[in-house]
């Protein structure tokens, strides 16, 4: 990949951008706390999700991200400046909604959008399912969620919303299974804010991604098996009840 060398102007921009973010960090933290409250108090979301996490980006990590992004496509091609910083960088505040099995995402998607629209947060992007698995790609597309290739071999649904304040900042929400969260936490420890150079780590994190996907598939299968058995049990009970009622009337 071609790298664009940082100019003195780029370095000055990164320094000013990080300083501006630090000066407004309390606002980002307050936004994260407000969103956490809104989501955790939503009864329509509660029955489908396992837990919620939020964080504000470490200023040092913002500096590293800006440097990497500018090297990838130059500041001019990226179109970033001091005025649109908080719109272009969507993950300065991030929330993560965790759930147990894949089929829950359909109801989570509807409940999440309804919940945030009710609080006047505007959807900017998404939902977009980042996945490398063809079966999950087909599933997400079947319920109207756009998909995007995930070279890092993880599966997660992403949204970007805008907040109601003078800074016009945006924030990101990710929705993923507990199994995928395990992979994400391990990958974060090893490859964030910069990718680890050890070949063994690269190979093992790729293996973990496949194991994680297998765990999600197994949980999905367990849930389907339970639901099918429960439905069959209800039908059998209903037939027995009708049979007893028929015997009494004869």
Protein backbone atom coordinates (compact mmCIF):
# COMPACT_ATOMS: atom_id res chain seq x y z
CA UNK A 1 0.00 0.00 0.00
CA UNK A 2 1.26 3.45 -0.93
CA UNK A 3 2.01 5.70 2.03
CA UNK A 4 1.73 9.47 1.92
CA UNK A 5 4.54 11.01 4.00
CA UNK A 6 3.36 13.40 6.70
CA UNK A 7 4.07 17.04 5.96
CA UNK A 8 4.80 19.67 8.65
CA UNK A 9 1.24 20.90 8.06
CA UNK A 10 -0.11 17.40 8.70
CA UNK A 11 1.80 17.13 11.97
CA UNK A 12 0.57 20.55 13.06
CA UNK A 13 -3.01 19.50 12.21
CA UNK A 14 -2.73 16.30 14.26
CA UNK A 15 -1.41 18.23 17.24
CA UNK A 16 -4.24 20.80 17.03
CA UNK A 17 -6.87 18.09 16.46
CA UNK A 18 -5.82 16.12 19.52
CA UNK A 19 -5.71 19.29 21.62
CA UNK A 20 -9.23 20.22 20.48
CA UNK A 21 -10.50 16.75 21.34
CA UNK A 22 -8.87 16.86 24.78
CA UNK A 23 -10.44 20.27 25.43
CA UNK A 24 -13.88 18.76 24.74
CA UNK A 25 -13.29 15.31 26.25
CA UNK A 26 -15.82 15.89 29.06
CA UNK A 27 -18.53 16.44 26.45
CA UNK A 28 -17.71 13.15 24.73
CA UNK A 29 -17.72 11.27 28.04
CA UNK A 30 -21.05 12.84 29.00
CA UNK A 31 -22.49 11.82 25.61
CA UNK A 32 -21.32 8.24 26.14
CA UNK A 33 -22.92 8.13 29.58
CA UNK A 34 -26.19 9.56 28.25
CA UNK A 35 -26.31 7.01 25.43
CA UNK A 36 -25.51 4.18 27.84
CA UNK A 37 -28.46 5.24 30.00
CA UNK A 38 -30.85 5.53 27.05
CA UNK A 39 -29.94 2.10 25.69
CA UNK A 40 -29.85 0.21 28.99
CA UNK A 41 -33.22 1.66 30.02
CA UNK A 42 -34.93 0.64 26.77
CA UNK A 43 -37.31 -2.23 27.52
CA UNK A 44 -37.54 -3.12 23.81
CA UNK A 45 -33.76 -3.61 23.66
CA UNK A 46 -33.36 -5.26 27.07
CA UNK A 47 -34.98 -8.56 26.11
CA UNK A 48 -32.62 -9.10 23.15
CA UNK A 49 -29.22 -7.86 24.36
CA UNK A 50 -26.80 -9.23 26.92
CA UNK A 51 -24.90 -6.08 27.92
CA UNK A 52 -23.70 -2.63 26.82
CA UNK A 53 -20.25 -1.02 26.98
CA UNK A 54 -19.09 2.50 26.13
CA UNK A 55 -15.83 4.41 26.00
CA UNK A 56 -14.35 7.72 24.87
CA UNK A 57 -11.25 7.45 22.69
CA UNK A 58 -7.85 7.89 24.32
CA UNK A 59 -6.32 11.13 22.92
CA UNK A 60 -3.05 9.27 22.23
CA UNK A 61 -4.97 6.75 20.15
CA UNK A 62 -6.60 9.58 18.19
CA UNK A 63 -3.15 10.91 17.27
CA UNK A 64 -2.10 7.46 16.04
CA UNK A 65 -5.32 7.04 14.05
CA UNK A 66 -5.01 10.43 12.37
CA UNK A 67 -1.41 9.69 11.43
CA UNK A 68 -2.34 6.30 9.95
CA UNK A 69 -5.34 7.64 8.02
CA UNK A 70 -3.37 10.54 6.54
CA UNK A 71 -0.55 8.20 5.52
CA UNK A 72 -3.11 5.95 3.81
CA UNK A 73 -4.77 8.58 1.62
CA UNK A 74 -3.40 12.05 2.44
CA UNK A 75 -5.32 14.73 4.30
CA UNK A 76 -6.59 16.29 1.06
CA UNK A 77 -8.06 13.01 -0.24
CA UNK A 78 -9.54 12.23 3.17
CA UNK A 79 -11.02 15.74 3.26
CA UNK A 80 -10.45 16.21 6.98
CA UNK A 81 -9.89 19.54 8.69
CA UNK A 82 -10.36 21.16 12.10
CA UNK A 83 -13.99 22.06 11.34
CA UNK A 84 -15.16 18.55 10.35
CA UNK A 85 -12.90 16.55 12.69
CA UNK A 86 -15.74 15.38 14.94
CA UNK A 87 -17.84 14.31 11.94
CA UNK A 88 -15.07 12.51 10.02
CA UNK A 89 -13.78 10.58 13.04
CA UNK A 90 -16.85 8.65 14.12
CA UNK A 91 -15.42 6.59 16.97
CA UNK A 92 -14.40 9.29 19.44
CA UNK A 93 -17.37 7.97 21.40
CA UNK A 94 -18.19 4.32 20.91
CA UNK A 95 -20.87 2.01 22.29
CA UNK A 96 -20.97 -1.74 21.96
CA UNK A 97 -24.13 -3.79 22.32
CA UNK A 98 -23.49 -7.47 22.99
CA UNK A 99 -25.97 -10.27 22.40
CA UNK A 100 -25.95 -14.07 22.54
CA UNK A 101 -27.00 -15.31 19.11
CA UNK A 102 -27.10 -13.93 15.58
CA UNK A 103 -30.87 -13.91 15.00
CA UNK A 104 -31.30 -11.33 17.79
CA UNK A 105 -29.80 -8.64 15.55
CA UNK A 106 -33.04 -8.21 13.56
CA UNK A 107 -35.03 -7.07 16.62
CA UNK A 108 -32.06 -5.19 18.08
CA UNK A 109 -31.74 -3.22 14.85
CA UNK A 110 -35.39 -2.13 14.88
CA UNK A 111 -35.40 -1.35 18.62
CA UNK A 112 -32.10 0.54 18.51
CA UNK A 113 -33.11 2.80 15.65
CA UNK A 114 -36.50 3.49 17.22
CA UNK A 115 -34.93 4.17 20.62
CA UNK A 116 -32.35 6.67 19.33
CA UNK A 117 -34.78 8.37 16.94
CA UNK A 118 -37.02 8.98 19.95
CA UNK A 119 -34.10 10.77 21.61
CA UNK A 120 -33.49 12.87 18.45
CA UNK A 121 -30.23 11.19 17.44
CA UNK A 122 -29.97 11.08 13.66
CA UNK A 123 -28.67 8.01 11.82
CA UNK A 124 -25.80 8.96 9.49
CA UNK A 125 -24.62 5.52 8.35
CA UNK A 126 -25.64 1.90 8.72
CA UNK A 127 -26.51 -0.61 9.68
CA UNK A 128 -23.56 -2.23 7.96
CA UNK A 129 -22.56 -5.79 8.82
CA UNK A 130 -18.83 -6.31 8.52
CA UNK A 131 -18.31 -10.02 8.00
CA UNK A 132 -16.11 -12.52 6.18
CA UNK A 133 -18.52 -15.45 6.49
CA UNK A 134 -20.72 -16.12 3.42
CA UNK A 135 -23.56 -17.67 5.45
CA UNK A 136 -23.77 -14.65 7.74
CA UNK A 137 -23.43 -12.32 4.77
CA UNK A 138 -26.48 -13.96 3.19
CA UNK A 139 -28.39 -13.82 6.49
CA UNK A 140 -27.74 -10.10 7.05
CA UNK A 141 -28.72 -9.29 3.49
CA UNK A 142 -31.94 -11.30 3.88
CA UNK A 143 -33.05 -9.01 6.74
CA UNK A 144 -32.10 -5.82 4.89
CA UNK A 145 -28.70 -5.11 6.45
CA UNK A 146 -25.97 -4.09 4.03
CA UNK A 147 -22.75 -6.12 4.24
CA UNK A 148 -19.11 -5.24 3.86
CA UNK A 149 -16.11 -7.53 3.57
CA UNK A 150 -14.13 -7.94 6.80
CA UNK A 151 -10.49 -8.80 5.98
CA UNK A 152 -9.75 -9.15 9.70
CA UNK A 153 -12.26 -12.03 9.85
CA UNK A 154 -14.70 -10.77 12.44
CA UNK A 155 -18.44 -10.13 12.30
CA UNK A 156 -20.01 -6.96 13.70
CA UNK A 157 -22.85 -4.61 12.76
CA UNK A 158 -21.91 -0.91 12.71
CA UNK A 159 -23.91 2.32 12.90
CA UNK A 160 -22.94 6.00 12.91
CA UNK A 161 -25.28 8.55 14.51
CA UNK A 162 -25.01 12.30 15.02
CA UNK A 163 -25.56 13.99 18.38
CA UNK A 164 -27.64 17.04 19.22
CA UNK A 165 -25.07 19.65 20.23
CA UNK A 166 -23.10 22.60 18.91
CA UNK A 167 -20.06 20.42 18.13
CA UNK A 168 -22.12 18.39 15.62
CA UNK A 169 -20.18 15.31 16.64
CA UNK A 170 -20.88 11.77 15.49
CA UNK A 171 -20.59 8.53 17.40
CA UNK A 172 -20.39 4.84 16.54
CA UNK A 173 -22.42 1.91 17.80
CA UNK A 174 -21.32 -1.67 17.21
CA UNK A 175 -23.53 -4.71 17.74
CA UNK A 176 -21.91 -8.13 17.99
CA UNK A 177 -22.22 -11.51 19.69
CA UNK A 178 -20.44 -12.34 22.93
CA UNK A 179 -18.24 -14.78 21.03
CA UNK A 180 -17.16 -12.06 18.59
CA UNK A 181 -16.50 -9.77 21.56
CA UNK A 182 -13.91 -12.25 22.85
CA UNK A 183 -12.05 -11.98 19.55
CA UNK A 184 -12.37 -8.18 19.59
CA UNK A 185 -10.94 -7.85 23.10
CA UNK A 186 -7.97 -10.12 22.32
CA UNK A 187 -7.31 -8.35 19.01
CA UNK A 188 -7.48 -4.98 20.80
CA UNK A 189 -4.83 -6.09 23.30
CA UNK A 190 -2.50 -7.31 20.57
CA UNK A 191 -3.09 -5.02 17.57
CA UNK A 192 -4.31 -1.69 18.96
CA UNK A 193 -3.42 1.08 18.43
CA UNK A 194 -0.82 -0.46 16.09
CA UNK A 195 -0.68 -3.96 14.62
CA UNK A 196 1.76 -6.34 16.26
CA UNK A 197 4.67 -7.39 14.03
CA UNK A 198 5.03 -10.97 15.30
CA UNK A 199 4.08 -13.47 12.60
CA UNK A 200 2.86 -15.94 15.24
CA UNK A 201 0.43 -13.34 16.64
CA UNK A 202 -0.96 -12.63 13.16
CA UNK A 203 -1.50 -16.35 12.51
CA UNK A 204 -3.02 -17.06 15.91
CA UNK A 205 -5.44 -14.13 15.84
CA UNK A 206 -6.66 -15.41 12.44
CA UNK A 207 -7.20 -18.88 13.95
CA UNK A 208 -9.04 -17.31 16.90
CA UNK A 209 -11.34 -15.53 14.44
CA UNK A 210 -12.37 -18.88 12.95
CA UNK A 211 -12.81 -20.47 16.38
CA UNK A 212 -14.94 -17.49 17.39
CA UNK A 213 -17.13 -17.91 14.32
CA UNK A 214 -17.55 -21.60 15.17
CA UNK A 215 -18.64 -20.65 18.71
CA UNK A 216 -21.24 -18.25 17.34
CA UNK A 217 -22.51 -20.93 14.94
CA UNK A 218 -22.79 -23.44 17.79
CA UNK A 219 -24.76 -20.99 19.97
CA UNK A 220 -27.03 -20.21 16.99
CA UNK A 221 -27.61 -23.93 16.48
CA UNK A 222 -28.35 -24.49 20.19
CA UNK A 223 -30.92 -21.69 20.17
CA UNK A 224 -32.61 -23.05 17.02
CA UNK A 225 -32.68 -26.57 18.52
CA UNK A 226 -34.21 -25.32 21.75
CA UNK A 227 -36.83 -23.26 19.92
CA UNK A 228 -37.76 -26.16 17.64
CA UNK A 229 -38.09 -28.52 20.61
CA UNK A 230 -40.16 -26.02 22.61
CA UNK A 231 -42.50 -25.44 19.65
CA UNK A 232 -42.89 -29.18 19.16
CA UNK A 233 -43.56 -29.64 22.87
CA UNK A 234 -46.30 -26.99 22.76
CA UNK A 235 -47.94 -28.71 19.79
CA UNK A 236 -47.81 -32.10 21.53
CA UNK A 237 -49.38 -30.65 24.70
CA UNK A 238 -52.10 -29.01 22.63
CA UNK A 239 -52.87 -32.28 20.83
CA UNK A 240 -53.05 -34.18 24.15
CA UNK A 241 -55.36 -31.50 25.58
CA UNK A 242 -57.67 -31.73 22.56
CA UNK A 243 -57.61 -35.51 22.76
CA UNK A 244 -58.62 -35.51 26.46
CA UNK A 245 -61.36 -32.99 25.74
CA UNK A 246 -62.68 -35.15 22.91
CA UNK A 247 -62.74 -38.27 25.14
CA UNK A 248 -64.73 -36.41 27.81
CA UNK A 249 -67.35 -35.29 25.28
CA UNK A 250 -67.84 -38.76 23.79
